[in-house]
Protein backbone atom coordinates (compact mmCIF):
# COMPACT_ATOMS: atom_id res chain seq x y z
CA UNK A 1 6.95 12.21 9.92
CA UNK A 2 10.53 12.67 8.79
CA UNK A 3 11.54 16.38 8.51
CA UNK A 4 14.98 17.73 7.40
CA UNK A 5 16.85 19.14 10.28
CA UNK A 6 17.91 22.13 8.20
CA UNK A 7 15.79 23.14 5.09
CA UNK A 8 17.75 25.31 2.74
CA UNK A 9 16.42 27.14 -0.42
CA UNK A 10 17.83 25.98 -3.70
CA UNK A 11 17.51 27.36 -7.17
CA UNK A 12 16.67 31.02 -7.12
CA UNK A 13 17.66 31.62 -3.45
CA UNK A 14 21.42 31.66 -2.20
CA UNK A 15 22.43 28.22 -1.00
CA UNK A 16 23.34 29.45 2.55
CA UNK A 17 20.10 30.97 3.48
CA UNK A 18 18.33 28.84 5.99
CA UNK A 19 14.50 28.83 5.78
CA UNK A 20 12.47 29.85 8.87
CA UNK A 21 9.17 28.72 10.14
CA UNK A 22 7.15 30.07 7.28
CA UNK A 23 9.56 28.66 4.77
CA UNK A 24 9.19 25.10 6.47
CA UNK A 25 5.40 25.49 6.23
CA UNK A 26 5.75 26.47 2.52
CA UNK A 27 8.02 23.42 1.88
CA UNK A 28 5.82 21.03 3.65
CA UNK A 29 2.63 22.64 1.79
CA UNK A 30 4.40 21.79 -1.45
CA UNK A 31 5.10 18.18 -0.49
CA UNK A 32 1.75 17.54 0.76
CA UNK A 33 0.21 18.92 -2.42
CA UNK A 34 2.68 16.89 -4.56
CA UNK A 35 1.65 13.72 -2.80
CA UNK A 36 -2.18 14.30 -3.15
CA UNK A 37 -1.56 15.07 -7.04
CA UNK A 38 0.80 12.07 -7.57
CA UNK A 39 -1.87 9.86 -6.15
CA UNK A 40 -4.59 11.33 -8.36
CA UNK A 41 -2.78 12.04 -11.51
CA UNK A 42 0.40 9.90 -11.33
CA UNK A 43 3.97 11.12 -10.78
CA UNK A 44 4.49 11.64 -14.55
CA UNK A 45 1.01 13.18 -15.06
CA UNK A 46 1.77 15.90 -12.46
CA UNK A 47 3.69 19.07 -13.51
CA UNK A 48 5.48 21.55 -11.39
CA UNK A 49 2.90 24.15 -12.23
CA UNK A 50 -0.01 21.99 -10.82
CA UNK A 51 1.86 21.38 -7.57
CA UNK A 52 2.55 25.15 -7.32
CA UNK A 53 -1.07 25.90 -7.74
CA UNK A 54 -2.26 23.19 -5.31
CA UNK A 55 0.14 24.63 -2.71
CA UNK A 56 -1.05 28.10 -3.34
CA UNK A 57 2.49 29.06 -4.44
CA UNK A 58 4.28 30.07 -7.71
CA UNK A 59 6.45 27.92 -9.99
CA UNK A 60 9.35 30.00 -8.75
CA UNK A 61 8.62 29.32 -5.16
CA UNK A 62 8.65 25.52 -5.89
CA UNK A 63 11.93 25.68 -7.52
CA UNK A 64 13.35 27.71 -4.36
CA UNK A 65 12.91 24.46 -2.36
CA UNK A 66 13.27 21.65 -4.89
CA UNK A 67 15.49 21.37 -7.99
CA UNK A 68 12.84 19.43 -9.73
CA UNK A 69 9.82 17.07 -9.45
CA UNK A 70 12.04 13.96 -8.55
CA UNK A 71 13.49 16.06 -5.51
CA UNK A 72 9.83 16.34 -4.19
CA UNK A 73 9.35 12.56 -4.54
CA UNK A 74 12.74 11.68 -2.89
CA UNK A 75 11.49 13.73 0.17
CA UNK A 76 8.32 11.80 0.17
CA UNK A 77 10.20 8.27 -0.12
CA UNK A 78 12.69 9.60 2.63
CA UNK A 79 9.63 10.18 4.92
CA UNK A 80 8.38 6.70 4.11
CA UNK A 81 11.73 4.86 4.87
CA UNK A 82 11.53 4.34 8.63
CA UNK A 83 8.04 3.14 8.49
CA UNK A 84 8.34 0.86 5.43
CA UNK A 85 11.72 -0.91 6.86
CA UNK A 86 10.30 -1.12 10.34
CA UNK A 87 7.31 -2.94 8.74
CA UNK A 88 9.67 -5.44 7.10
CA UNK A 89 11.25 -6.06 10.55
CA UNK A 90 7.87 -6.80 11.97
CA UNK A 91 7.49 -10.07 10.32
CA UNK A 92 7.68 -12.72 12.94
CA UNK A 93 8.77 -16.21 12.93
CA UNK A 94 7.02 -18.15 10.17
CA UNK A 95 5.98 -21.93 10.18
CA UNK A 96 3.21 -24.45 9.38
CA UNK A 97 1.51 -23.90 12.61
CA UNK A 98 -1.02 -21.34 14.17
CA UNK A 99 1.70 -19.09 15.60
CA UNK A 100 3.58 -18.76 12.29
CA UNK A 101 0.25 -18.09 10.35
CA UNK A 102 -0.89 -15.57 12.78
CA UNK A 103 2.60 -13.77 12.58
CA UNK A 104 1.99 -13.64 8.77
CA UNK A 105 -1.53 -12.26 9.28
CA UNK A 106 -0.35 -9.47 11.66
CA UNK A 107 2.32 -8.44 9.09
CA UNK A 108 -0.14 -8.52 6.20
CA UNK A 109 -2.72 -6.58 8.23
CA UNK A 110 0.14 -3.92 8.77
CA UNK A 111 0.70 -4.11 5.06
CA UNK A 112 -2.71 -2.69 4.28
CA UNK A 113 -2.39 0.05 7.00
CA UNK A 114 0.82 0.89 5.57
CA UNK A 115 -0.59 1.47 2.05
CA UNK A 116 -3.20 3.84 3.57
CA UNK A 117 -0.31 5.98 5.20
CA UNK A 118 2.37 5.82 2.48
CA UNK A 119 0.45 4.95 -0.81
CA UNK A 120 2.07 7.70 -2.95
CA UNK A 121 5.44 5.89 -2.38
CA UNK A 122 4.38 2.26 -2.30
CA UNK A 123 2.52 2.75 -5.64
CA UNK A 124 6.07 2.77 -7.04
CA UNK A 125 7.30 -0.21 -4.99
CA UNK A 126 8.47 -2.74 -6.29
CA UNK A 127 9.10 -1.71 -9.89
CA UNK A 128 6.05 0.28 -10.64
CA UNK A 129 5.41 3.75 -12.19
CA UNK A 130 6.79 6.70 -10.32
CA UNK A 131 9.91 5.21 -8.80
CA UNK A 132 11.47 4.38 -12.22
CA UNK A 133 14.91 6.02 -11.95
CA UNK A 134 14.49 7.48 -8.52
CA UNK A 135 17.13 5.78 -6.23
CA UNK A 136 15.58 6.49 -2.90
CA UNK A 137 12.58 4.34 -3.62
CA UNK A 138 14.66 1.53 -5.40
CA UNK A 139 16.74 1.54 -2.16
CA UNK A 140 13.67 1.14 -0.15
CA UNK A 141 12.34 -1.76 -2.28
CA UNK A 142 15.68 -3.69 -2.10
CA UNK A 143 16.18 -3.17 1.65
CA UNK A 144 12.57 -4.32 2.28
CA UNK A 145 12.85 -7.53 0.22
CA UNK A 146 16.12 -8.30 1.69
CA UNK A 147 14.65 -8.07 5.22
CA UNK A 148 11.75 -10.15 4.26
CA UNK A 149 14.32 -12.66 2.65
CA UNK A 150 16.15 -12.81 5.97
CA UNK A 151 13.10 -14.11 7.81
CA UNK A 152 11.98 -16.43 5.06
CA UNK A 153 15.53 -17.90 4.71
CA UNK A 154 14.97 -19.50 8.24
CA UNK A 155 11.83 -21.30 7.04
CA UNK A 156 11.81 -24.66 5.09
CA UNK A 157 10.17 -23.34 2.01
CA UNK A 158 10.79 -26.47 -0.04
CA UNK A 159 11.59 -26.84 -3.59
CA UNK A 160 11.18 -23.11 -4.53
CA UNK A 161 14.35 -20.99 -3.64
CA UNK A 162 13.97 -18.43 -0.49
CA UNK A 163 14.83 -15.59 -2.95
CA UNK A 164 11.99 -16.51 -5.30
CA UNK A 165 9.54 -17.00 -2.33
CA UNK A 166 10.49 -13.61 -0.74
CA UNK A 167 10.10 -11.90 -4.07
CA UNK A 168 6.69 -13.43 -4.73
CA UNK A 169 5.42 -12.86 -1.27
CA UNK A 170 6.24 -9.22 -1.49
CA UNK A 171 5.10 -8.68 -5.04
CA UNK A 172 1.72 -10.46 -4.39
CA UNK A 173 0.97 -8.67 -1.12
CA UNK A 174 2.00 -5.33 -2.87
CA UNK A 175 -0.18 -5.74 -6.10
CA UNK A 176 -3.16 -7.12 -4.31
CA UNK A 177 -3.30 -3.97 -2.06
CA UNK A 178 -2.63 -1.74 -4.91
CA UNK A 179 -5.73 -3.29 -6.63
CA UNK A 180 -7.84 -2.85 -3.55
CA UNK A 181 -6.50 0.52 -2.74
CA UNK A 182 -7.57 1.59 -6.33
CA UNK A 183 -10.96 -0.10 -6.08
CA UNK A 184 -10.27 -2.54 -8.81
CA UNK A 185 -12.08 -5.94 -9.18
CA UNK A 186 -14.75 -5.39 -6.70
CA UNK A 187 -12.34 -6.45 -4.04
CA UNK A 188 -13.84 -6.98 -0.53
CA UNK A 189 -12.66 -5.06 2.68
CA UNK A 190 -9.24 -4.76 3.69
CA UNK A 191 -9.81 -7.25 6.58
CA UNK A 192 -11.25 -9.83 4.16
CA UNK A 193 -8.36 -9.16 1.54
CA UNK A 194 -5.82 -9.72 4.39
CA UNK A 195 -7.46 -12.87 5.49
CA UNK A 196 -7.46 -14.35 2.03
CA UNK A 197 -4.05 -13.20 1.47
CA UNK A 198 -2.80 -14.86 4.52
CA UNK A 199 -4.17 -18.31 3.60
CA UNK A 200 -2.72 -18.09 0.16
CA UNK A 201 0.85 -16.84 1.23
CA UNK A 202 0.96 -19.35 4.09
CA UNK A 203 0.19 -22.05 1.43
CA UNK A 204 2.93 -20.58 -0.73
CA UNK A 205 5.48 -20.74 2.18
CA UNK A 206 4.24 -24.00 3.79
CA UNK A 207 2.12 -26.12 1.21
CA UNK A 208 1.60 -28.87 4.08
CA UNK A 209 0.04 -26.59 6.46
CA UNK A 210 -2.69 -28.40 8.25
CA UNK A 211 -6.31 -27.73 7.35
CA UNK A 212 -7.11 -26.91 10.96
CA UNK A 213 -4.25 -24.12 11.12
CA UNK A 214 -5.49 -22.61 7.85
CA UNK A 215 -9.04 -22.27 9.42
CA UNK A 216 -7.72 -20.15 12.25
CA UNK A 217 -7.72 -17.21 9.78
CA UNK A 218 -10.61 -16.56 7.57
CA UNK A 219 -13.11 -14.10 6.11
CA UNK A 220 -15.07 -12.16 8.63
CA UNK A 221 -18.02 -14.39 9.85
CA UNK A 222 -16.22 -17.46 8.53
CA UNK A 223 -18.42 -17.52 5.49
CA UNK A 224 -17.18 -19.19 2.22
CA UNK A 225 -16.90 -16.70 -0.51
CA UNK A 226 -18.91 -17.28 -3.69
CA UNK A 227 -17.14 -18.98 -6.59
CA UNK A 228 -19.18 -17.50 -9.53
CA UNK A 229 -17.45 -16.02 -12.42
CA UNK A 230 -17.44 -12.25 -12.91
CA UNK A 231 -19.90 -10.93 -15.55
CA UNK A 232 -18.28 -10.69 -19.03
CA UNK A 233 -16.74 -7.23 -19.86
CA UNK A 234 -16.72 -5.27 -23.06
CA UNK A 235 -15.38 -6.94 -26.07
CA UNK A 236 -12.12 -5.54 -27.52
CA UNK A 237 -12.38 -3.79 -30.78
CA UNK A 238 -9.66 -4.28 -33.46
CA UNK A 239 -7.26 -1.48 -34.11
CA UNK A 240 -9.04 1.31 -36.04
CA UNK A 241 -5.97 2.42 -38.02
CA UNK A 242 -4.70 0.41 -41.11
CA UNK A 243 -1.31 -0.63 -40.31
CA UNK A 244 1.35 -0.07 -43.06
CA UNK A 245 4.86 -1.89 -42.62
CA UNK A 246 6.48 1.36 -41.74
CA UNK A 247 3.92 2.35 -39.16
CA UNK A 248 4.27 -1.18 -37.76
CA UNK A 249 8.17 -0.85 -37.56
CA UNK A 250 7.79 2.50 -35.65
CA UNK A 251 5.29 0.93 -33.02
CA UNK A 252 7.52 -2.25 -32.78
CA UNK A 253 10.65 0.05 -32.27
CA UNK A 254 8.76 2.17 -29.67
CA UNK A 255 7.42 -0.86 -27.63
CA UNK A 256 10.93 -2.23 -27.29
CA UNK A 257 12.19 1.17 -26.07
CA UNK A 258 9.42 1.61 -23.70
CA UNK A 259 10.13 -1.69 -22.40
CA UNK A 260 13.88 -1.14 -21.94
CA UNK A 261 13.68 2.42 -20.69
CA UNK A 262 10.15 3.24 -19.55
CA UNK A 263 7.59 5.23 -21.56
CA UNK A 264 8.62 8.69 -20.10
CA UNK A 265 12.45 8.29 -20.79
CA UNK A 266 11.88 7.74 -24.49
CA UNK A 267 11.88 10.75 -26.94
CA UNK A 268 10.50 10.86 -30.30
CA UNK A 269 14.02 11.02 -31.86
CA UNK A 270 14.93 7.88 -29.93
CA UNK A 271 12.06 6.12 -31.57
CA UNK A 272 12.95 7.35 -35.11
CA UNK A 273 16.45 6.10 -34.73
CA UNK A 274 15.33 2.66 -33.45
CA UNK A 275 12.94 2.27 -36.38
CA UNK A 276 15.52 3.67 -38.90
CA UNK A 277 13.17 6.31 -40.23
CA UNK A 278 13.59 9.90 -40.59
CA UNK A 279 11.81 12.62 -38.17
CA UNK A 280 9.79 13.53 -41.05
CA UNK A 281 8.57 10.00 -41.66
CA UNK A 282 7.96 9.50 -37.98
CA UNK A 283 5.95 12.58 -37.71
CA UNK A 284 4.07 11.79 -40.80
CA UNK A 285 2.56 8.57 -38.94
CA UNK A 286 2.52 9.96 -35.53
CA UNK A 287 2.36 13.51 -34.29
CA UNK A 288 3.07 12.74 -30.68
CA UNK A 289 4.50 9.89 -28.54
CA UNK A 290 0.90 9.55 -26.88
CA UNK A 291 -0.36 8.70 -30.33
CA UNK A 292 2.15 5.86 -30.54
CA UNK A 293 1.28 4.60 -27.05
CA UNK A 294 -2.37 4.87 -28.12
CA UNK A 295 -1.85 2.42 -31.16
CA UNK A 296 0.30 0.22 -29.02
CA UNK A 297 -2.44 0.03 -26.55
CA UNK A 298 -4.99 -1.06 -29.35
CA UNK A 299 -2.53 -3.82 -30.34
CA UNK A 300 -2.21 -4.93 -26.75
CA UNK A 301 -6.01 -4.93 -26.10
CA UNK A 302 -6.61 -7.11 -29.21
CA UNK A 303 -3.78 -9.56 -28.51
CA UNK A 304 -4.68 -9.68 -24.84
CA UNK A 305 -8.35 -10.41 -25.70
CA UNK A 306 -7.31 -13.35 -27.60
CA UNK A 307 -5.03 -14.64 -24.90
CA UNK A 308 -7.62 -14.03 -22.32
CA UNK A 309 -10.16 -15.93 -24.40
CA UNK A 310 -7.87 -18.92 -24.45
CA UNK A 311 -7.63 -18.81 -20.72
CA UNK A 312 -11.37 -18.74 -20.51
CA UNK A 313 -11.47 -21.73 -22.88
CA UNK A 314 -9.12 -23.64 -20.36
CA UNK A 315 -11.59 -22.77 -17.68
CA UNK A 316 -14.77 -23.83 -19.72
CA UNK A 317 -13.32 -27.29 -21.06
CA UNK A 318 -10.70 -28.24 -18.40
CA UNK A 319 -7.01 -27.77 -18.10
CA UNK A 320 -4.01 -29.76 -17.23
CA UNK A 321 -0.73 -28.71 -15.64
CA UNK A 322 0.77 -28.84 -19.20
CA UNK A 323 -1.75 -26.74 -20.88
CA UNK A 324 -1.86 -24.05 -18.22
CA UNK A 325 2.12 -24.00 -18.23
CA UNK A 326 1.90 -23.58 -22.07
CA UNK A 327 -0.46 -20.88 -21.58
CA UNK A 328 1.64 -18.96 -18.96
CA UNK A 329 4.59 -19.12 -21.38
CA UNK A 330 2.54 -17.35 -23.94
CA UNK A 331 1.53 -14.73 -21.44
CA UNK A 332 5.25 -14.14 -20.72
CA UNK A 333 5.77 -13.38 -24.37
CA UNK A 334 2.90 -10.96 -24.31
CA UNK A 335 4.07 -9.27 -21.31
CA UNK A 336 7.43 -8.68 -22.91
CA UNK A 337 5.70 -6.98 -25.76
CA UNK A 338 3.29 -4.90 -23.83
CA UNK A 339 4.18 -4.70 -20.31
CA UNK A 340 5.26 -1.02 -20.72
CA UNK A 341 1.60 -0.04 -21.70
CA UNK A 342 0.26 -1.73 -18.35
CA UNK A 343 2.98 -0.25 -16.31
CA UNK A 344 2.47 3.28 -17.72
CA UNK A 345 -1.30 2.87 -16.96
CA UNK A 346 -0.52 1.86 -13.27
CA UNK A 347 1.39 4.96 -12.91
CA UNK A 348 -1.79 6.91 -13.32
CA UNK A 349 -0.40 9.30 -15.92
CA UNK A 350 -2.50 8.46 -18.93
CA UNK A 351 -5.49 10.23 -20.20
CA UNK A 352 -8.75 8.88 -19.46
CA UNK A 353 -9.24 7.31 -22.94
CA UNK A 354 -6.04 5.32 -22.81
CA UNK A 355 -6.67 4.34 -19.19
CA UNK A 356 -10.07 3.16 -20.14
CA UNK A 357 -8.61 1.06 -23.08
CA UNK A 358 -6.07 -0.69 -20.92
CA UNK A 359 -8.67 -1.29 -18.33
CA UNK A 360 -10.85 -2.89 -21.01
CA UNK A 361 -7.76 -5.03 -21.94
CA UNK A 362 -7.07 -6.16 -18.49
CA UNK A 363 -10.67 -7.00 -17.71
CA UNK A 364 -11.08 -10.26 -19.66
CA UNK A 365 -7.99 -11.61 -17.76
CA UNK A 366 -9.70 -10.97 -14.36
CA UNK A 367 -12.91 -12.74 -15.74
CA UNK A 368 -11.02 -15.66 -16.96
CA UNK A 369 -8.96 -16.07 -13.91
CA UNK A 370 -12.10 -16.06 -11.78
CA UNK A 371 -13.73 -18.77 -14.01
CA UNK A 372 -10.54 -20.82 -13.86
CA UNK A 373 -10.30 -20.74 -10.01
CA UNK A 374 -14.09 -21.57 -9.95
CA UNK A 375 -13.42 -24.60 -11.82
CA UNK A 376 -10.25 -25.70 -9.91
CA UNK A 377 -11.63 -24.82 -6.42
CA UNK A 378 -9.95 -22.73 -3.69
CA UNK A 379 -8.91 -23.48 -0.19
CA UNK A 380 -11.55 -22.41 2.35
CA UNK A 381 -10.72 -18.84 3.55
CA UNK A 382 -9.63 -17.55 0.14
CA UNK A 383 -12.32 -15.12 -1.39
CA UNK A 384 -12.37 -15.93 -5.26
CA UNK A 385 -12.08 -12.17 -5.90
CA UNK A 386 -8.78 -12.07 -4.07
CA UNK A 387 -7.86 -15.43 -5.58
CA UNK A 388 -8.40 -13.80 -9.00
CA UNK A 389 -6.28 -10.63 -7.94
CA UNK A 390 -3.46 -13.18 -6.74
CA UNK A 391 -3.64 -14.83 -10.13
CA UNK A 392 -3.29 -11.39 -11.97
CA UNK A 393 -0.30 -10.41 -9.62
CA UNK A 394 1.55 -13.63 -10.43
CA UNK A 395 1.02 -12.83 -14.05
CA UNK A 396 2.45 -9.51 -13.94
CA UNK A 397 4.89 -9.23 -11.15
CA UNK A 398 6.51 -12.63 -11.46
CA UNK A 399 6.89 -12.10 -15.24
CA UNK A 400 8.65 -8.79 -14.38
CA UNK A 401 10.85 -10.67 -11.66
CA UNK A 402 11.98 -13.41 -14.24
CA UNK A 403 12.46 -10.89 -16.78
CA UNK A 404 14.84 -8.66 -14.67
CA UNK A 405 16.13 -10.61 -11.59
CA UNK A 406 16.55 -14.23 -12.85
CA UNK A 407 18.54 -15.90 -15.59
CA UNK A 408 16.08 -17.84 -17.69
CA UNK A 409 16.60 -19.45 -21.18
CA UNK A 410 12.94 -19.19 -22.36
CA UNK A 411 9.50 -17.82 -21.77
CA UNK A 412 8.54 -21.33 -20.43
CA UNK A 413 11.25 -21.32 -17.91
CA UNK A 414 9.61 -18.23 -16.59
CA UNK A 415 6.41 -20.03 -16.60
CA UNK A 416 7.81 -22.62 -14.28
CA UNK A 417 7.93 -20.20 -11.36
CA UNK A 418 4.55 -18.84 -12.00
CA UNK A 419 2.99 -22.03 -12.22
CA UNK A 420 4.74 -23.40 -9.00
CA UNK A 421 3.50 -20.12 -6.99
CA UNK A 422 -0.08 -20.62 -8.26
CA UNK A 423 -0.09 -24.15 -7.53
CA UNK A 424 1.13 -23.63 -3.92
CA UNK A 425 -0.67 -20.46 -2.96
CA UNK A 426 -3.99 -21.37 -4.49
CA UNK A 427 -3.89 -25.12 -4.36
CA UNK A 428 -4.90 -25.44 -8.09
CA UNK A 429 -6.01 -28.73 -9.06
CA UNK A 430 -5.52 -30.13 -12.67
CA UNK A 431 -7.70 -32.40 -14.84
CA UNK A 432 -4.61 -34.78 -14.82
CA UNK A 433 -4.51 -35.02 -11.09
CA UNK A 434 -8.15 -36.52 -10.81
CA UNK A 435 -9.27 -33.83 -8.57
CA UNK A 436 -6.49 -33.90 -5.98
CA UNK A 437 -3.63 -31.64 -5.51
CA UNK A 438 -0.14 -33.27 -5.21
CA UNK A 439 -1.72 -36.35 -3.72
CA UNK A 440 -3.72 -34.52 -1.03
CA UNK A 441 -7.45 -33.97 -0.89
CA UNK A 442 -8.46 -30.37 -1.92
CA UNK A 443 -9.69 -28.29 1.07
CA UNK A 444 -12.99 -27.46 -0.68
CA UNK A 445 -13.90 -31.20 -0.90
């Protein structure tokens, strides 16, 4: 593990005082305690006082070693840099053959192990929660994707640009491992998740990979996973608070600010200014920023339930390429409005009531995605639970990618990339293709 060569006290202690063995132990205890709390409560849900208590120290002692909470996180990120970048370099030559696929499998297997060792930093990589505004983690993410791109650029990935493929590979692998790490969606073991991810990402990279090559990596025991849909979750309730025009304007202004800057970087005064209301008016409607987030969450749950129901309708009655593309475009608009709510939840800093509300809102998407894939059929070797997790990863992370990294004219342009990734990675078939995918028989037929 990375350790600074010289550890100096900052804050209350003179800047030229070097810390001895006891001081180094104290510093390491603070960092370890912070890492544990960041995982349990989220970066923004952890206070300096909580870190001090967990480390058996005082607030003053923590400030002797670190200027602020971000400084502790930067040190955790610095400890992660060598392992993360080494992992990016371990991606071997790729190709539509057994050697290429096994290189991909080995790399994804190491991804899962890397998550176990460095989850506190990887939870913020790329573009999630704790890393917002912390340059060290942004640097890791950029360098990591760049190194993966170097490897993918040597592979003939077809119509999709190498930049988009690299971004999709990293984001999908990251998010599915995040879901697994947090015990979401009843995902199988790490080995089974890795096997399914390998098949999906191999197809994303090389859609023409022969059937025999794909079967060289599969779920433990070679069993074909069930394709039954998940049980229905709780029904979203309508917002309990009557919505006045002023209140609606406040929530809409807050939503735009949260999306632009992140929830934790926005102050109540910022919201009042953006909504063009006085502080008195703002506080008459909402006493705290959490209250605004709570109402925004209710909006997201209700609108998301309708969108998920429409996806379920496509699964029940059949879907064409155009109908799924149209739905994806609508999802992009939804994510623009409410992505900050979901992102804040993933950071782990929300109270339990809000976290449960957002979880209730996300659940129907997972159920609908499972039903959609059950209708379409999946390549052998992809567990349907992992397939649904990949679908959700594409919805969130590729929407974020197209909104921030690519120049797109409309939400439906963003949907173009999402549909192509889903089509390739999951070999989705559409009703207007007569049960075939791109002229090739599906692997489950």
